[in-house]
Amino acid sequence: MTKTKSSKKSLAFVAALAVVCGSAAAQTDTLKKVKESGSISMGVRDASGAMSFTLGPNKYTGFHVEICERIIADIRKAVQLDRIDVKYQLVTPQNRIPLVQNGTVDIECGTTTNNAARQKDVAFAPTLYVEGVRIAVKATSGITRPAQLAGKTVAATTGSTSVPALRKLKREGANGIDEVLAKDNSEGFLLLEAGRAEGFFADGQILATLISKSKEPEKYRLLDQVLSVEPLAIMFRKGDPAFKKLVDDSVVALARSGEVARIYDRWFMQPIPPHNARVGLPANAMTKAAWADPTDKPMESYESR
């Protein structure tokens, strides 16, 4: 290959790369996208405790959904639109990050843990809920400690951070655990309910909500031990500083005004739809600390405290 041909190919490669980079940059201008389309895509879950759940076809609500609605109200003002059409996109633990990355979802309002690995692919708002992975068991099981699950069948939801928490427990001495991975939280609790699993690993609030909505809540209990600390946060595309600043400012304002405490009380301490069941889970010390000092630090920062 001659030097001239090589130079031309190099220039062509650089030009092509510039086009690709330019396209990628354009795709991450979420505010422009919202203003031009008059709509925003909200990623939601159908059974993520009181954080994000369905009330029927295309109807979603919960703590994080309401937080996102407050953020979208601020976005509407920023882009000077009379209204924004919210398009709900149901996501799962398996597809939520890819759907944010490829632009299908603009803002994900479920129960996603902010951790260092995920921060390489997506961005997070400051945390307003710090959770812990815990275990639900039947009250009559006699199980009071995670180690007692050795040799038993336990369930966790595929793609959730409960799975590594479960496997860590196995490595640390709870030998012989037979794990069953459910496709979603509802299925995981059903395995416990039907006796096909003797424990179900999930975020504490998810477990508390599923128990409160069950036919006989008194038949279940949460073990006290927290297996991992999980800062749950609203997720959106990486590399969009204008959108991140607006989301962050909106979340921080909710925290510092005290409004987030009132929203929390509505979803976790008062009866909620559709069955008017009360989760009854007061804000823990870590969550209150997050309200006092909002940050988008990953899970690993909490674990090192």
C-alpha atoms as a PDB file:
ATOM      1  CA  MET A   1       0.000   0.000   0.000  1.00  0.00           C
ATOM      2  CA  THR A   2       1.388   3.418  -0.976  1.00  0.00           C
ATOM      3  CA  LYS A   3       1.698   6.261   1.494  1.00  0.00           C
ATOM      4  CA  THR A   4      -0.881   8.313  -0.444  1.00  0.00           C
ATOM      5  CA  LYS A   5      -3.502   5.553  -0.296  1.00  0.00           C
ATOM      6  CA  SER A   6      -2.761   4.978   3.367  1.00  0.00           C
ATOM      7  CA  SER A   7      -3.199   8.669   4.160  1.00  0.00           C
ATOM      8  CA  LYS A   8      -6.490   8.794   2.276  1.00  0.00           C
ATOM      9  CA  LYS A   9      -7.781   5.755   4.155  1.00  0.00           C
ATOM     10  CA  SER A  10      -6.721   7.279   7.467  1.00  0.00           C
ATOM     11  CA  LEU A  11      -8.507  10.522   6.641  1.00  0.00           C
ATOM     12  CA  ALA A  12     -11.602   8.585   5.604  1.00  0.00           C
ATOM     13  CA  PHE A  13     -11.527   6.650   8.897  1.00  0.00           C
ATOM     14  CA  VAL A  14     -11.213   9.862  10.919  1.00  0.00           C
ATOM     15  CA  ALA A  15     -14.096  11.419   8.993  1.00  0.00           C
ATOM     16  CA  ALA A  16     -16.265   8.358   9.539  1.00  0.00           C
ATOM     17  CA  LEU A  17     -15.385   8.336  13.227  1.00  0.00           C
ATOM     18  CA  ALA A  18     -16.357  11.992  13.508  1.00  0.00           C
ATOM     19  CA  VAL A  19     -19.753  11.229  11.953  1.00  0.00           C
ATOM     20  CA  VAL A  20     -20.321   8.351  14.373  1.00  0.00           C
ATOM     21  CA  CYS A  21     -19.267  10.434  17.370  1.00  0.00           C
ATOM     22  CA  GLY A  22     -21.444  13.309  16.202  1.00  0.00           C
ATOM     23  CA  SER A  23     -24.441  11.000  15.896  1.00  0.00           C
ATOM     24  CA  ALA A  24     -23.819   9.574  19.336  1.00  0.00           C
ATOM     25  CA  ALA A  25     -23.578  13.071  20.811  1.00  0.00           C
ATOM     26  CA  ALA A  26     -26.842  14.052  19.136  1.00  0.00           C
ATOM     27  CA  GLN A  27     -28.570  10.998  20.576  1.00  0.00           C
ATOM     28  CA  THR A  28     -27.582  11.975  24.098  1.00  0.00           C
ATOM     29  CA  ASP A  29     -29.192  15.439  23.923  1.00  0.00           C
ATOM     30  CA  THR A  30     -32.274  14.316  25.806  1.00  0.00           C
ATOM     31  CA  LEU A  31     -33.673  17.801  26.396  1.00  0.00           C
ATOM     32  CA  LYS A  32     -33.587  18.515  22.659  1.00  0.00           C
ATOM     33  CA  LYS A  33     -35.239  15.167  21.983  1.00  0.00           C
ATOM     34  CA  VAL A  34     -38.008  15.904  24.493  1.00  0.00           C
ATOM     35  CA  LYS A  35     -38.606  19.418  23.174  1.00  0.00           C
ATOM     36  CA  GLU A  36     -38.825  18.278  19.551  1.00  0.00           C
ATOM     37  CA  SER A  37     -41.021  15.250  20.229  1.00  0.00           C
ATOM     38  CA  GLY A  38     -43.107  16.660  23.084  1.00  0.00           C
ATOM     39  CA  SER A  39     -42.713  13.350  24.866  1.00  0.00           C
ATOM     40  CA  ILE A  40     -40.442  11.426  27.210  1.00  0.00           C
ATOM     41  CA  SER A  41     -40.042   7.685  27.728  1.00  0.00           C
ATOM     42  CA  MET A  42     -40.179   6.580  31.368  1.00  0.00           C
ATOM     43  CA  GLY A  43     -38.858   3.144  32.250  1.00  0.00           C
ATOM     44  CA  VAL A  44     -41.083   1.497  34.867  1.00  0.00           C
ATOM     45  CA  ARG A  45     -41.448  -1.823  36.676  1.00  0.00           C
ATOM     46  CA  ASP A  46     -44.679  -3.710  37.219  1.00  0.00           C
ATOM     47  CA  ALA A  47     -43.865  -5.256  40.618  1.00  0.00           C
ATOM     48  CA  SER A  48     -40.958  -3.470  42.311  1.00  0.00           C
ATOM     49  CA  GLY A  49     -42.600  -2.964  45.661  1.00  0.00           C
ATOM     50  CA  ALA A  50     -43.823   0.530  46.480  1.00  0.00           C
ATOM     51  CA  MET A  51     -41.108   2.057  44.293  1.00  0.00           C
ATOM     52  CA  SER A  52     -42.617   1.265  40.889  1.00  0.00           C
ATOM     53  CA  PHE A  53     -45.644  -0.892  40.129  1.00  0.00           C
ATOM     54  CA  THR A  54     -48.642  -1.210  37.846  1.00  0.00           C
ATOM     55  CA  LEU A  55     -52.292  -0.381  38.482  1.00  0.00           C
ATOM     56  CA  GLY A  56     -53.411  -1.847  35.183  1.00  0.00           C
ATOM     57  CA  PRO A  57     -52.691  -1.437  31.464  1.00  0.00           C
ATOM     58  CA  ASN A  58     -50.372   1.554  30.922  1.00  0.00           C
ATOM     59  CA  LYS A  59     -50.866   2.767  34.503  1.00  0.00           C
ATOM     60  CA  TYR A  60     -47.817   2.945  36.763  1.00  0.00           C
ATOM     61  CA  THR A  61     -47.132   4.582  40.090  1.00  0.00           C
ATOM     62  CA  GLY A  62     -44.946   4.389  43.192  1.00  0.00           C
ATOM     63  CA  PHE A  63     -42.260   6.338  45.047  1.00  0.00           C
ATOM     64  CA  HIS A  64     -39.735   6.514  42.204  1.00  0.00           C
ATOM     65  CA  VAL A  65     -42.459   7.043  39.599  1.00  0.00           C
ATOM     66  CA  GLU A  66     -43.692  10.076  41.551  1.00  0.00           C
ATOM     67  CA  ILE A  67     -40.135  11.397  41.879  1.00  0.00           C
ATOM     68  CA  CYS A  68     -39.782  11.079  38.102  1.00  0.00           C
ATOM     69  CA  GLU A  69     -43.073  12.901  37.591  1.00  0.00           C
ATOM     70  CA  ARG A  70     -41.669  15.796  39.646  1.00  0.00           C
ATOM     71  CA  ILE A  71     -38.493  15.746  37.523  1.00  0.00           C
ATOM     72  CA  ILE A  72     -40.505  15.721  34.299  1.00  0.00           C
ATOM     73  CA  ALA A  73     -42.449  18.763  35.513  1.00  0.00           C
ATOM     74  CA  ASP A  74     -39.114  20.581  35.842  1.00  0.00           C
ATOM     75  CA  ILE A  75     -38.039  19.336  32.394  1.00  0.00           C
ATOM     76  CA  ARG A  76     -41.272  20.697  30.921  1.00  0.00           C
ATOM     77  CA  LYS A  77     -40.505  24.147  32.336  1.00  0.00           C
ATOM     78  CA  ALA A  78     -36.913  24.002  31.127  1.00  0.00           C
ATOM     79  CA  VAL A  79     -37.846  23.170  27.524  1.00  0.00           C
ATOM     80  CA  GLN A  80     -40.833  25.573  27.634  1.00  0.00           C
ATOM     81  CA  LEU A  81     -43.588  23.127  26.697  1.00  0.00           C
ATOM     82  CA  ASP A  82     -47.189  23.323  27.869  1.00  0.00           C
ATOM     83  CA  ARG A  83     -47.210  19.558  28.414  1.00  0.00           C
ATOM     84  CA  ILE A  84     -45.037  16.493  27.953  1.00  0.00           C
ATOM     85  CA  ASP A  85     -46.530  13.175  26.919  1.00  0.00           C
ATOM     86  CA  VAL A  86     -45.133  10.468  29.220  1.00  0.00           C
ATOM     87  CA  LYS A  87     -44.699   7.160  27.419  1.00  0.00           C
ATOM     88  CA  TYR A  88     -44.301   4.240  29.816  1.00  0.00           C
ATOM     89  CA  GLN A  89     -41.830   1.520  28.898  1.00  0.00           C
ATOM     90  CA  LEU A  90     -41.948  -1.616  31.023  1.00  0.00           C
ATOM     91  CA  VAL A  91     -38.410  -2.767  31.815  1.00  0.00           C
ATOM     92  CA  THR A  92     -36.902  -5.812  33.500  1.00  0.00           C
ATOM     93  CA  PRO A  93     -33.657  -6.314  35.435  1.00  0.00           C
ATOM     94  CA  GLN A  94     -32.248  -7.888  32.280  1.00  0.00           C
ATOM     95  CA  ASN A  95     -33.074  -5.170  29.712  1.00  0.00           C
ATOM     96  CA  ARG A  96     -33.267  -1.888  31.664  1.00  0.00           C
ATOM     97  CA  ILE A  97     -29.662  -0.773  31.062  1.00  0.00           C
ATOM     98  CA  PRO A  98     -29.611  -1.631  27.319  1.00  0.00           C
ATOM     99  CA  LEU A  99     -32.928   0.191  26.836  1.00  0.00           C
ATOM    100  CA  VAL A 100     -31.490   3.317  28.474  1.00  0.00           C
ATOM    101  CA  GLN A 101     -28.298   3.067  26.434  1.00  0.00           C
ATOM    102  CA  ASN A 102     -30.046   2.685  23.073  1.00  0.00           C
ATOM    103  CA  GLY A 103     -32.445   5.589  23.664  1.00  0.00           C
ATOM    104  CA  THR A 104     -35.655   3.572  24.094  1.00  0.00           C
ATOM    105  CA  VAL A 105     -35.893   4.790  27.708  1.00  0.00           C
ATOM    106  CA  ASP A 106     -35.027   8.398  28.607  1.00  0.00           C
ATOM    107  CA  ILE A 107     -35.390   8.088  32.378  1.00  0.00           C
ATOM    108  CA  GLU A 108     -35.695   4.821  34.307  1.00  0.00           C
ATOM    109  CA  CYS A 109     -37.798   4.974  37.461  1.00  0.00           C
ATOM    110  CA  GLY A 110     -37.726   1.494  38.925  1.00  0.00           C
ATOM    111  CA  THR A 111     -35.430  -0.036  41.549  1.00  0.00           C
ATOM    112  CA  THR A 112     -31.977   0.073  39.988  1.00  0.00           C
ATOM    113  CA  THR A 113     -28.950  -0.077  42.270  1.00  0.00           C
ATOM    114  CA  ASN A 114     -26.278   2.506  41.505  1.00  0.00           C
ATOM    115  CA  ASN A 115     -22.984   0.623  41.481  1.00  0.00           C
ATOM    116  CA  ALA A 116     -19.525   1.190  40.008  1.00  0.00           C
ATOM    117  CA  ALA A 117     -19.953  -1.314  37.189  1.00  0.00           C
ATOM    118  CA  ARG A 118     -23.209   0.260  36.015  1.00  0.00           C
ATOM    119  CA  GLN A 119     -21.754   3.770  36.182  1.00  0.00           C
ATOM    120  CA  LYS A 120     -19.510   2.768  33.281  1.00  0.00           C
ATOM    121  CA  ASP A 121     -22.597   2.389  31.086  1.00  0.00           C
ATOM    122  CA  VAL A 122     -25.240   4.779  32.449  1.00  0.00           C
ATOM    123  CA  ALA A 123     -25.685   7.808  34.705  1.00  0.00           C
ATOM    124  CA  PHE A 124     -27.624   8.084  37.952  1.00  0.00           C
ATOM    125  CA  ALA A 125     -29.466  10.824  39.817  1.00  0.00           C
ATOM    126  CA  PRO A 126     -28.646  11.445  43.486  1.00  0.00           C
ATOM    127  CA  THR A 127     -29.993   8.642  45.655  1.00  0.00           C
ATOM    128  CA  LEU A 128     -33.223   9.178  47.598  1.00  0.00           C
ATOM    129  CA  TYR A 129     -33.623   5.607  48.849  1.00  0.00           C
ATOM    130  CA  VAL A 130     -30.936   3.415  50.390  1.00  0.00           C
ATOM    131  CA  GLU A 131     -32.039  -0.185  50.602  1.00  0.00           C
ATOM    132  CA  GLY A 132     -30.654  -3.452  51.812  1.00  0.00           C
ATOM    133  CA  VAL A 133     -30.965  -6.901  50.277  1.00  0.00           C
ATOM    134  CA  ARG A 134     -32.799  -9.049  52.812  1.00  0.00           C
ATOM    135  CA  ILE A 135     -34.507 -12.417  52.951  1.00  0.00           C
ATOM    136  CA  ALA A 136     -38.193 -13.271  53.320  1.00  0.00           C
ATOM    137  CA  VAL A 137     -39.115 -16.625  54.846  1.00  0.00           C
ATOM    138  CA  LYS A 138     -42.274 -18.246  56.128  1.00  0.00           C
ATOM    139  CA  ALA A 139     -42.940 -17.410  59.770  1.00  0.00           C
ATOM    140  CA  THR A 140     -43.286 -21.090  60.636  1.00  0.00           C
ATOM    141  CA  SER A 141     -39.961 -22.073  59.015  1.00  0.00           C
ATOM    142  CA  GLY A 142     -37.905 -21.569  62.159  1.00  0.00           C
ATOM    143  CA  ILE A 143     -35.306 -19.724  60.063  1.00  0.00           C
ATOM    144  CA  THR A 144     -33.952 -16.664  61.877  1.00  0.00           C
ATOM    145  CA  ARG A 145     -30.483 -16.340  60.307  1.00  0.00           C
ATOM    146  CA  PRO A 146     -29.270 -16.508  56.672  1.00  0.00           C
ATOM    147  CA  ALA A 147     -26.836 -19.314  57.552  1.00  0.00           C
ATOM    148  CA  GLN A 148     -29.819 -21.555  58.308  1.00  0.00           C
ATOM    149  CA  LEU A 149     -30.627 -21.617  54.595  1.00  0.00           C
ATOM    150  CA  ALA A 150     -27.678 -23.964  54.022  1.00  0.00           C
ATOM    151  CA  GLY A 151     -28.893 -27.020  52.142  1.00  0.00           C
ATOM    152  CA  LYS A 152     -32.206 -25.367  51.263  1.00  0.00           C
ATOM    153  CA  THR A 153     -33.736 -23.935  48.072  1.00  0.00           C
ATOM    154  CA  VAL A 154     -33.824 -20.149  47.831  1.00  0.00           C
ATOM    155  CA  ALA A 155     -34.998 -17.751  45.135  1.00  0.00           C
ATOM    156  CA  ALA A 156     -33.763 -14.441  43.714  1.00  0.00           C
ATOM    157  CA  THR A 157     -34.705 -12.402  40.653  1.00  0.00           C
ATOM    158  CA  THR A 158     -32.567 -12.782  37.529  1.00  0.00           C
ATOM    159  CA  GLY A 159     -30.499  -9.679  36.745  1.00  0.00           C
ATOM    160  CA  SER A 160     -30.937  -8.133  40.197  1.00  0.00           C
ATOM    161  CA  THR A 161     -28.188  -7.356  42.719  1.00  0.00           C
ATOM    162  CA  SER A 162     -29.850  -9.897  45.010  1.00  0.00           C
ATOM    163  CA  VAL A 163     -28.200 -12.656  42.975  1.00  0.00           C
ATOM    164  CA  PRO A 164     -24.589 -11.697  43.865  1.00  0.00           C
ATOM    165  CA  ALA A 165     -25.712 -11.188  47.482  1.00  0.00           C
ATOM    166  CA  LEU A 166     -27.068 -14.736  47.475  1.00  0.00           C
ATOM    167  CA  ARG A 167     -23.892 -16.136  45.941  1.00  0.00           C
ATOM    168  CA  LYS A 168     -21.732 -14.240  48.410  1.00  0.00           C
ATOM    169  CA  LEU A 169     -23.680 -15.901  51.241  1.00  0.00           C
ATOM    170  CA  LYS A 170     -22.983 -19.282  49.650  1.00  0.00           C
ATOM    171  CA  ARG A 171     -19.256 -18.534  49.419  1.00  0.00           C
ATOM    172  CA  GLU A 172     -19.141 -17.407  53.027  1.00  0.00           C
ATOM    173  CA  GLY A 173     -20.379 -20.671  54.461  1.00  0.00           C
ATOM    174  CA  ALA A 174     -24.056 -21.313  53.704  1.00  0.00           C
ATOM    175  CA  ASN A 175     -23.125 -24.451  51.816  1.00  0.00           C
ATOM    176  CA  GLY A 176     -25.458 -26.444  49.640  1.00  0.00           C
ATOM    177  CA  ILE A 177     -27.931 -23.658  48.861  1.00  0.00           C
ATOM    178  CA  ASP A 178     -29.900 -24.563  45.758  1.00  0.00           C
ATOM    179  CA  GLU A 179     -30.695 -21.301  43.984  1.00  0.00           C
ATOM    180  CA  VAL A 180     -33.724 -20.757  41.769  1.00  0.00           C
ATOM    181  CA  LEU A 181     -33.766 -17.620  39.618  1.00  0.00           C
ATOM    182  CA  ALA A 182     -37.167 -16.035  39.030  1.00  0.00           C
ATOM    183  CA  LYS A 183     -37.957 -13.880  36.011  1.00  0.00           C
ATOM    184  CA  ASP A 184     -39.383 -11.113  38.228  1.00  0.00           C
ATOM    185  CA  ASN A 185     -40.143 -10.265  41.861  1.00  0.00           C
ATOM    186  CA  SER A 186     -43.719 -11.536  41.717  1.00  0.00           C
ATOM    187  CA  GLU A 187     -42.551 -14.941  40.539  1.00  0.00           C
ATOM    188  CA  GLY A 188     -39.847 -15.020  43.226  1.00  0.00           C
ATOM    189  CA  PHE A 189     -42.391 -14.419  45.980  1.00  0.00           C
ATOM    190  CA  LEU A 190     -44.726 -16.990  44.426  1.00  0.00           C
ATOM    191  CA  LEU A 191     -41.951 -19.593  44.770  1.00  0.00           C
ATOM    192  CA  LEU A 192     -41.785 -18.815  48.500  1.00  0.00           C
ATOM    193  CA  GLU A 193     -45.572 -18.765  48.816  1.00  0.00           C
ATOM    194  CA  ALA A 194     -45.935 -22.144  47.094  1.00  0.00           C
ATOM    195  CA  GLY A 195     -43.207 -23.764  49.190  1.00  0.00           C
ATOM    196  CA  ARG A 196     -40.871 -24.248  46.224  1.00  0.00           C
ATOM    197  CA  ALA A 197     -38.296 -22.014  47.943  1.00  0.00           C
ATOM    198  CA  GLU A 198     -37.635 -21.552  51.643  1.00  0.00           C
ATOM    199  CA  GLY A 199     -36.264 -18.047  51.248  1.00  0.00           C
ATOM    200  CA  PHE A 200     -36.582 -15.190  48.752  1.00  0.00           C
ATOM    201  CA  PHE A 201     -33.750 -12.669  48.378  1.00  0.00           C
ATOM    202  CA  ALA A 202     -34.719  -9.131  47.282  1.00  0.00           C
ATOM    203  CA  ASP A 203     -34.642  -5.478  48.318  1.00  0.00           C
ATOM    204  CA  GLY A 204     -36.245  -5.089  51.730  1.00  0.00           C
ATOM    205  CA  GLN A 205     -38.961  -2.736  50.497  1.00  0.00           C
ATOM    206  CA  ILE A 206     -39.893  -5.119  47.686  1.00  0.00           C
ATOM    207  CA  LEU A 207     -40.254  -7.949  50.189  1.00  0.00           C
ATOM    208  CA  ALA A 208     -42.198  -5.796  52.666  1.00  0.00           C
ATOM    209  CA  THR A 209     -44.579  -4.669  49.924  1.00  0.00           C
ATOM    210  CA  LEU A 210     -45.134  -8.178  48.559  1.00  0.00           C
ATOM    211  CA  ILE A 211     -45.837  -9.443  52.071  1.00  0.00           C
ATOM    212  CA  SER A 212     -48.283  -6.585  52.744  1.00  0.00           C
ATOM    213  CA  LYS A 213     -50.164  -7.418  49.523  1.00  0.00           C
ATOM    214  CA  SER A 214     -50.276 -11.178  50.128  1.00  0.00           C
ATOM    215  CA  LYS A 215     -53.448 -12.931  51.239  1.00  0.00           C
ATOM    216  CA  GLU A 216     -51.998 -13.742  54.657  1.00  0.00           C
ATOM    217  CA  PRO A 217     -49.175 -11.319  55.531  1.00  0.00           C
ATOM    218  CA  GLU A 218     -48.762 -12.845  58.992  1.00  0.00           C
ATOM    219  CA  LYS A 219     -47.409 -16.010  57.380  1.00  0.00           C
ATOM    220  CA  TYR A 220     -44.164 -14.306  56.364  1.00  0.00           C
ATOM    221  CA  ARG A 221     -41.305 -12.494  58.053  1.00  0.00           C
ATOM    222  CA  LEU A 222     -38.205 -10.576  57.026  1.00  0.00           C
ATOM    223  CA  LEU A 223     -34.888 -11.625  58.487  1.00  0.00           C
ATOM    224  CA  ASP A 224     -33.150  -8.719  60.208  1.00  0.00           C
ATOM    225  CA  GLN A 225     -29.772  -9.147  58.526  1.00  0.00           C
ATOM    226  CA  VAL A 226     -28.912  -6.829  55.612  1.00  0.00           C
ATOM    227  CA  LEU A 227     -26.789  -8.717  53.077  1.00  0.00           C
ATOM    228  CA  SER A 228     -25.733  -5.729  50.980  1.00  0.00           C
ATOM    229  CA  VAL A 229     -26.364  -1.981  51.009  1.00  0.00           C
ATOM    230  CA  GLU A 230     -28.130  -0.777  47.852  1.00  0.00           C
ATOM    231  CA  PRO A 231     -28.480   2.905  46.889  1.00  0.00           C
ATOM    232  CA  LEU A 232     -31.457   2.845  44.521  1.00  0.00           C
ATOM    233  CA  ALA A 233     -31.449   5.685  42.034  1.00  0.00           C
ATOM    234  CA  ILE A 234     -33.120   6.992  38.908  1.00  0.00           C
ATOM    235  CA  MET A 235     -31.118   6.086  35.808  1.00  0.00           C
ATOM    236  CA  PHE A 236     -30.574   7.808  32.446  1.00  0.00           C
ATOM    237  CA  ARG A 237     -28.113   7.970  29.576  1.00  0.00           C
ATOM    238  CA  LYS A 238     -24.471   8.694  30.190  1.00  0.00           C
ATOM    239  CA  GLY A 239     -22.735  11.603  28.487  1.00  0.00           C
ATOM    240  CA  ASP A 240     -25.590  14.119  28.642  1.00  0.00           C
ATOM    241  CA  PRO A 241     -24.411  16.791  31.123  1.00  0.00           C
ATOM    242  CA  ALA A 242     -27.316  19.197  30.553  1.00  0.00           C
ATOM    243  CA  PHE A 243     -29.909  16.535  31.271  1.00  0.00           C
ATOM    244  CA  LYS A 244     -27.981  15.239  34.278  1.00  0.00           C
ATOM    245  CA  LYS A 245     -27.723  18.717  35.789  1.00  0.00           C
ATOM    246  CA  LEU A 246     -31.456  19.301  35.429  1.00  0.00           C
ATOM    247  CA  VAL A 247     -32.332  15.887  36.931  1.00  0.00           C
ATOM    248  CA  ASP A 248     -29.814  16.303  39.751  1.00  0.00           C
ATOM    249  CA  ASP A 249     -31.044  19.808  40.589  1.00  0.00           C
ATOM    250  CA  SER A 250     -34.648  18.597  40.645  1.00  0.00           C
ATOM    251  CA  VAL A 251     -33.841  15.679  42.977  1.00  0.00           C
ATOM    252  CA  VAL A 252     -31.691  17.805  45.296  1.00  0.00           C
ATOM    253  CA  ALA A 253     -34.497  20.382  45.549  1.00  0.00           C
ATOM    254  CA  LEU A 254     -36.949  17.667  46.629  1.00  0.00           C
ATOM    255  CA  ALA A 255     -34.508  16.467  49.274  1.00  0.00           C
ATOM    256  CA  ARG A 256     -33.599  19.868  50.689  1.00  0.00           C
ATOM    257  CA  SER A 257     -37.168  21.173  50.775  1.00  0.00           C
ATOM    258  CA  GLY A 258     -38.299  18.175  52.816  1.00  0.00           C
ATOM    259  CA  GLU A 259     -40.787  17.203  50.111  1.00  0.00           C
ATOM    260  CA  VAL A 260     -39.108  13.828  49.612  1.00  0.00           C
ATOM    261  CA  ALA A 261     -39.969  12.861  53.213  1.00  0.00           C
ATOM    262  CA  ARG A 262     -43.640  13.582  52.530  1.00  0.00           C
ATOM    263  CA  ILE A 263     -43.529  11.534  49.306  1.00  0.00           C
ATOM    264  CA  TYR A 264     -41.849   8.691  51.173  1.00  0.00           C
ATOM    265  CA  ASP A 265     -44.508   8.739  53.894  1.00  0.00           C
ATOM    266  CA  ARG A 266     -47.250   8.525  51.257  1.00  0.00           C
ATOM    267  CA  TRP A 267     -45.807   5.348  49.705  1.00  0.00           C
ATOM    268  CA  PHE A 268     -44.300   3.501  52.642  1.00  0.00           C
ATOM    269  CA  MET A 269     -46.303   4.510  55.717  1.00  0.00           C
ATOM    270  CA  GLN A 270     -49.816   5.084  54.339  1.00  0.00           C
ATOM    271  CA  PRO A 271     -52.213   2.645  52.615  1.00  0.00           C
ATOM    272  CA  ILE A 272     -51.417   2.425  48.902  1.00  0.00           C
ATOM    273  CA  PRO A 273     -53.345   1.141  45.898  1.00  0.00           C
ATOM    274  CA  PRO A 274     -54.620  -1.142  44.583  1.00  0.00           C
ATOM    275  CA  HIS A 275     -55.494  -2.982  47.826  1.00  0.00           C
ATOM    276  CA  ASN A 276     -54.972  -0.109  50.289  1.00  0.00           C
ATOM    277  CA  ALA A 277     -52.316  -2.192  52.042  1.00  0.00           C
ATOM    278  CA  ARG A 278     -49.737  -0.431  54.217  1.00  0.00           C
ATOM    279  CA  VAL A 279     -46.079  -1.341  53.654  1.00  0.00           C
ATOM    280  CA  GLY A 280     -45.152   0.046  57.082  1.00  0.00           C
ATOM    281  CA  LEU A 281     -41.447   0.574  56.424  1.00  0.00           C
ATOM    282  CA  PRO A 282     -40.099   3.772  58.069  1.00  0.00           C
ATOM    283  CA  ALA A 283     -37.175   5.504  56.366  1.00  0.00           C
ATOM    284  CA  ASN A 284     -33.927   4.012  57.657  1.00  0.00           C
ATOM    285  CA  ALA A 285     -30.936   6.026  58.831  1.00  0.00           C
ATOM    286  CA  MET A 286     -29.078   5.623  55.531  1.00  0.00           C
ATOM    287  CA  THR A 287     -32.028   6.914  53.539  1.00  0.00           C
ATOM    288  CA  LYS A 288     -32.368   9.941  55.817  1.00  0.00           C
ATOM    289  CA  ALA A 289     -28.635  10.570  55.434  1.00  0.00           C
ATOM    290  CA  ALA A 290     -29.088  10.478  51.649  1.00  0.00           C
ATOM    291  CA  TRP A 291     -31.790  13.152  51.904  1.00  0.00           C
ATOM    292  CA  ALA A 292     -29.512  15.330  54.045  1.00  0.00           C
ATOM    293  CA  ASP A 293     -26.585  15.013  51.626  1.00  0.00           C
ATOM    294  CA  PRO A 294     -27.789  13.958  48.158  1.00  0.00           C
ATOM    295  CA  THR A 295     -25.108  12.190  46.117  1.00  0.00           C
ATOM    296  CA  ASP A 296     -24.784   9.877  43.124  1.00  0.00           C
ATOM    297  CA  LYS A 297     -21.993   7.841  44.732  1.00  0.00           C
ATOM    298  CA  PRO A 298     -22.144   4.119  43.904  1.00  0.00           C
ATOM    299  CA  MET A 299     -22.911   1.210  46.205  1.00  0.00           C
ATOM    300  CA  GLU A 300     -19.238   0.574  46.858  1.00  0.00           C
ATOM    301  CA  SER A 301     -18.956   3.943  48.646  1.00  0.00           C
ATOM    302  CA  TYR A 302     -21.659   2.873  51.103  1.00  0.00           C
ATOM    303  CA  GLU A 303     -20.097  -0.493  51.757  1.00  0.00           C
ATOM    304  CA  SER A 304     -16.762   1.116  52.672  1.00  0.00           C
ATOM    305  CA  ARG A 305     -18.257   3.380  55.340  1.00  0.00           C
END
